[in-house]
Amino acid sequence: MNEVVQEWKDKGWTQVRTHGTKKDFNRCGTLMSEKAQAVEASWVENGKRKTKLYTQDSHHYLALRFFCKDGDEFVIVMRKRK
């Protein structure tokens, strides 16, 4: 996980927030769009899905989703000035 986050930091992105519980994960996905008005970060805790919307007015947002072995997910949100 740290290597994935560091790759994006090296590209000029800043870590904003983490949603969900960090734990061992199987795979990682990336959600970002330079054209969308907002990016939705979603995660799963104890089988319940939760979401938070990040509006892209002055910054672009990136959601790094980590899929855990037990079915839960956590997300790290990053941003970069437009």
N, C-alpha and C. Protein backbone atom coordinates (compact mmCIF):
# COMPACT_ATOMS: atom_id res chain seq x y z
N MET A 1 0.83 -1.19 0.00
CA MET A 1 0.00 0.00 0.00
C MET A 1 0.87 1.25 0.00
N ASN A 2 1.90 1.27 0.83
CA ASN A 2 2.76 2.44 0.91
C ASN A 2 3.44 2.74 -0.42
N GLU A 3 3.80 1.68 -1.16
CA GLU A 3 4.44 1.88 -2.46
C GLU A 3 3.47 2.51 -3.46
N VAL A 4 2.20 2.07 -3.43
CA VAL A 4 1.20 2.62 -4.34
C VAL A 4 0.99 4.10 -4.04
N VAL A 5 0.84 4.45 -2.77
CA VAL A 5 0.63 5.84 -2.37
C VAL A 5 1.87 6.67 -2.75
N GLN A 6 3.04 6.15 -2.52
CA GLN A 6 4.27 6.88 -2.83
C GLN A 6 4.41 7.16 -4.33
N GLU A 7 3.99 6.20 -5.16
CA GLU A 7 4.02 6.41 -6.62
C GLU A 7 3.22 7.65 -7.00
N TRP A 8 2.02 7.80 -6.41
CA TRP A 8 1.18 8.95 -6.72
C TRP A 8 1.75 10.23 -6.13
N LYS A 9 2.34 10.15 -4.94
CA LYS A 9 2.98 11.33 -4.34
C LYS A 9 4.12 11.82 -5.23
N ASP A 10 4.86 10.89 -5.81
CA ASP A 10 5.95 11.25 -6.72
C ASP A 10 5.44 11.96 -7.96
N LYS A 11 4.17 11.73 -8.31
CA LYS A 11 3.57 12.39 -9.47
C LYS A 11 2.90 13.72 -9.10
N GLY A 12 3.07 14.17 -7.84
CA GLY A 12 2.55 15.46 -7.42
C GLY A 12 1.23 15.43 -6.67
N TRP A 13 0.72 14.25 -6.34
CA TRP A 13 -0.54 14.13 -5.60
C TRP A 13 -0.27 14.17 -4.10
N THR A 14 -1.23 14.66 -3.33
CA THR A 14 -1.13 14.75 -1.88
C THR A 14 -2.21 13.87 -1.24
N GLN A 15 -1.84 13.12 -0.20
CA GLN A 15 -2.81 12.28 0.49
C GLN A 15 -3.70 13.17 1.35
N VAL A 16 -5.03 13.00 1.21
CA VAL A 16 -6.00 13.83 1.91
C VAL A 16 -6.62 13.10 3.09
N ARG A 17 -7.11 11.88 2.83
CA ARG A 17 -7.87 11.17 3.85
C ARG A 17 -7.91 9.68 3.57
N THR A 18 -8.15 8.90 4.61
CA THR A 18 -8.35 7.46 4.49
C THR A 18 -9.72 7.12 5.06
N HIS A 19 -10.49 6.33 4.33
CA HIS A 19 -11.81 5.87 4.78
C HIS A 19 -11.74 4.35 4.90
N GLY A 20 -12.31 3.82 5.97
CA GLY A 20 -12.29 2.38 6.20
C GLY A 20 -11.09 1.99 7.04
N THR A 21 -10.95 0.71 7.28
CA THR A 21 -9.88 0.18 8.12
C THR A 21 -8.79 -0.42 7.25
N LYS A 22 -7.57 0.08 7.42
CA LYS A 22 -6.44 -0.47 6.66
C LYS A 22 -6.12 -1.87 7.16
N LYS A 23 -5.99 -2.81 6.22
CA LYS A 23 -5.61 -4.18 6.55
C LYS A 23 -5.04 -4.85 5.31
N ASP A 24 -4.68 -6.12 5.42
CA ASP A 24 -4.13 -6.84 4.28
C ASP A 24 -5.12 -6.83 3.13
N PHE A 25 -4.62 -6.64 1.92
CA PHE A 25 -5.50 -6.57 0.76
C PHE A 25 -4.99 -7.46 -0.36
N ASN A 26 -5.92 -7.86 -1.25
CA ASN A 26 -5.59 -8.70 -2.40
C ASN A 26 -5.19 -7.88 -3.61
N ARG A 27 -5.94 -6.80 -3.84
CA ARG A 27 -5.69 -6.00 -5.04
C ARG A 27 -6.09 -4.55 -4.79
N CYS A 28 -5.70 -3.71 -5.74
CA CYS A 28 -5.94 -2.28 -5.61
C CYS A 28 -6.53 -1.75 -6.91
N GLY A 29 -7.40 -0.77 -6.81
CA GLY A 29 -7.98 -0.13 -7.98
C GLY A 29 -7.87 1.38 -7.87
N THR A 30 -7.94 2.06 -9.00
CA THR A 30 -7.81 3.52 -9.03
C THR A 30 -9.04 4.12 -9.68
N LEU A 31 -9.57 5.18 -9.07
CA LEU A 31 -10.71 5.89 -9.63
C LEU A 31 -10.34 7.37 -9.71
N MET A 32 -10.33 7.90 -10.94
CA MET A 32 -10.04 9.31 -11.13
C MET A 32 -10.62 9.77 -12.46
N SER A 33 -10.89 11.08 -12.56
CA SER A 33 -11.38 11.65 -13.80
C SER A 33 -11.07 13.13 -13.81
N GLU A 34 -10.48 13.61 -14.88
CA GLU A 34 -10.19 15.03 -14.98
C GLU A 34 -11.41 15.81 -15.47
N LYS A 35 -12.41 15.12 -16.04
CA LYS A 35 -13.57 15.79 -16.60
C LYS A 35 -14.80 15.76 -15.69
N ALA A 36 -14.87 14.81 -14.78
CA ALA A 36 -16.05 14.67 -13.91
C ALA A 36 -16.13 15.83 -12.91
N GLN A 37 -17.35 16.17 -12.53
CA GLN A 37 -17.55 17.23 -11.55
C GLN A 37 -17.15 16.78 -10.15
N ALA A 38 -17.20 15.46 -9.92
CA ALA A 38 -16.87 14.92 -8.60
C ALA A 38 -16.36 13.49 -8.74
N VAL A 39 -15.66 13.05 -7.70
CA VAL A 39 -15.20 11.67 -7.61
C VAL A 39 -15.80 11.08 -6.35
N GLU A 40 -16.40 9.89 -6.47
CA GLU A 40 -17.02 9.24 -5.32
C GLU A 40 -16.07 8.19 -4.75
N ALA A 41 -15.70 8.37 -3.51
CA ALA A 41 -14.88 7.37 -2.81
C ALA A 41 -15.84 6.43 -2.08
N SER A 42 -15.66 5.14 -2.28
CA SER A 42 -16.52 4.17 -1.59
C SER A 42 -15.65 3.11 -0.93
N TRP A 43 -16.16 2.59 0.19
CA TRP A 43 -15.45 1.56 0.94
C TRP A 43 -16.47 0.68 1.64
N VAL A 44 -16.03 -0.48 2.11
CA VAL A 44 -16.92 -1.43 2.78
C VAL A 44 -16.32 -1.76 4.15
N GLU A 45 -17.13 -1.58 5.20
CA GLU A 45 -16.74 -1.95 6.56
C GLU A 45 -17.79 -2.89 7.13
N ASN A 46 -17.37 -4.06 7.56
CA ASN A 46 -18.27 -5.07 8.12
C ASN A 46 -19.45 -5.35 7.20
N GLY A 47 -19.18 -5.42 5.90
CA GLY A 47 -20.21 -5.73 4.93
C GLY A 47 -21.12 -4.58 4.54
N LYS A 48 -20.91 -3.39 5.10
CA LYS A 48 -21.74 -2.23 4.79
C LYS A 48 -20.95 -1.25 3.93
N ARG A 49 -21.55 -0.88 2.79
CA ARG A 49 -20.90 0.03 1.86
C ARG A 49 -21.16 1.47 2.28
N LYS A 50 -20.11 2.29 2.24
CA LYS A 50 -20.20 3.71 2.58
C LYS A 50 -19.56 4.51 1.46
N THR A 51 -20.01 5.76 1.28
CA THR A 51 -19.47 6.60 0.21
C THR A 51 -19.28 8.03 0.69
N LYS A 52 -18.40 8.74 0.01
CA LYS A 52 -18.21 10.17 0.23
C LYS A 52 -17.87 10.79 -1.12
N LEU A 53 -18.50 11.91 -1.41
CA LEU A 53 -18.32 12.59 -2.68
C LEU A 53 -17.30 13.73 -2.53
N TYR A 54 -16.34 13.79 -3.44
CA TYR A 54 -15.34 14.85 -3.46
C TYR A 54 -15.54 15.67 -4.73
N THR A 55 -15.98 16.92 -4.57
CA THR A 55 -16.23 17.82 -5.69
C THR A 55 -14.92 18.37 -6.23
N GLN A 56 -14.79 18.34 -7.54
CA GLN A 56 -13.55 18.75 -8.18
C GLN A 56 -13.63 20.20 -8.69
N ASP A 57 -13.70 21.16 -7.76
CA ASP A 57 -13.74 22.55 -8.20
C ASP A 57 -12.32 23.12 -8.35
N SER A 58 -11.53 23.10 -7.30
CA SER A 58 -10.17 23.66 -7.39
C SER A 58 -9.09 22.57 -7.45
N HIS A 59 -9.47 21.33 -7.16
CA HIS A 59 -8.53 20.20 -7.17
C HIS A 59 -9.11 19.02 -7.94
N HIS A 60 -8.22 18.19 -8.49
CA HIS A 60 -8.61 16.89 -9.02
C HIS A 60 -8.45 15.89 -7.87
N TYR A 61 -9.37 14.93 -7.77
CA TYR A 61 -9.30 13.92 -6.72
C TYR A 61 -9.08 12.54 -7.32
N LEU A 62 -8.43 11.70 -6.54
CA LEU A 62 -8.07 10.34 -6.93
C LEU A 62 -8.42 9.43 -5.75
N ALA A 63 -9.11 8.34 -6.02
CA ALA A 63 -9.46 7.38 -4.97
C ALA A 63 -8.71 6.07 -5.25
N LEU A 64 -7.86 5.68 -4.31
CA LEU A 64 -7.15 4.41 -4.39
C LEU A 64 -7.92 3.42 -3.53
N ARG A 65 -8.57 2.45 -4.16
CA ARG A 65 -9.39 1.47 -3.44
C ARG A 65 -8.60 0.19 -3.24
N PHE A 66 -8.61 -0.30 -2.02
CA PHE A 66 -7.90 -1.52 -1.65
C PHE A 66 -8.93 -2.56 -1.24
N PHE A 67 -8.93 -3.70 -1.92
CA PHE A 67 -9.89 -4.78 -1.70
C PHE A 67 -9.27 -5.83 -0.80
N CYS A 68 -9.85 -6.02 0.40
CA CYS A 68 -9.28 -6.91 1.42
C CYS A 68 -9.77 -8.35 1.26
N LYS A 69 -9.04 -9.25 1.89
CA LYS A 69 -9.33 -10.69 1.80
C LYS A 69 -10.68 -11.04 2.41
N ASP A 70 -11.12 -10.28 3.42
CA ASP A 70 -12.37 -10.60 4.11
C ASP A 70 -13.60 -9.94 3.49
N GLY A 71 -13.43 -9.31 2.31
CA GLY A 71 -14.56 -8.68 1.63
C GLY A 71 -14.70 -7.19 1.92
N ASP A 72 -14.00 -6.70 2.94
CA ASP A 72 -14.02 -5.27 3.23
C ASP A 72 -13.14 -4.53 2.23
N GLU A 73 -13.29 -3.21 2.19
CA GLU A 73 -12.47 -2.35 1.34
C GLU A 73 -12.12 -1.11 2.13
N PHE A 74 -10.98 -0.52 1.81
CA PHE A 74 -10.66 0.80 2.33
C PHE A 74 -10.16 1.64 1.17
N VAL A 75 -10.25 2.96 1.34
CA VAL A 75 -9.88 3.87 0.26
C VAL A 75 -8.98 4.98 0.79
N ILE A 76 -8.00 5.33 0.00
CA ILE A 76 -7.14 6.47 0.30
C ILE A 76 -7.43 7.52 -0.75
N VAL A 77 -7.79 8.72 -0.30
CA VAL A 77 -8.14 9.81 -1.20
C VAL A 77 -6.95 10.74 -1.34
N MET A 78 -6.64 11.11 -2.56
CA MET A 78 -5.52 12.00 -2.85
C MET A 78 -6.04 13.13 -3.73
N ARG A 79 -5.31 14.26 -3.74
CA ARG A 79 -5.72 15.38 -4.58
C ARG A 79 -4.51 16.09 -5.17
N LYS A 80 -4.81 16.83 -6.23
CA LYS A 80 -3.79 17.59 -6.94
C LYS A 80 -4.45 18.85 -7.47
N ARG A 81 -3.80 19.98 -7.31
CA ARG A 81 -4.37 21.24 -7.79
C ARG A 81 -4.55 21.20 -9.30
N LYS A 82 -5.67 21.76 -9.76
CA LYS A 82 -5.97 21.80 -11.21
C LYS A 82 -4.95 22.66 -11.94
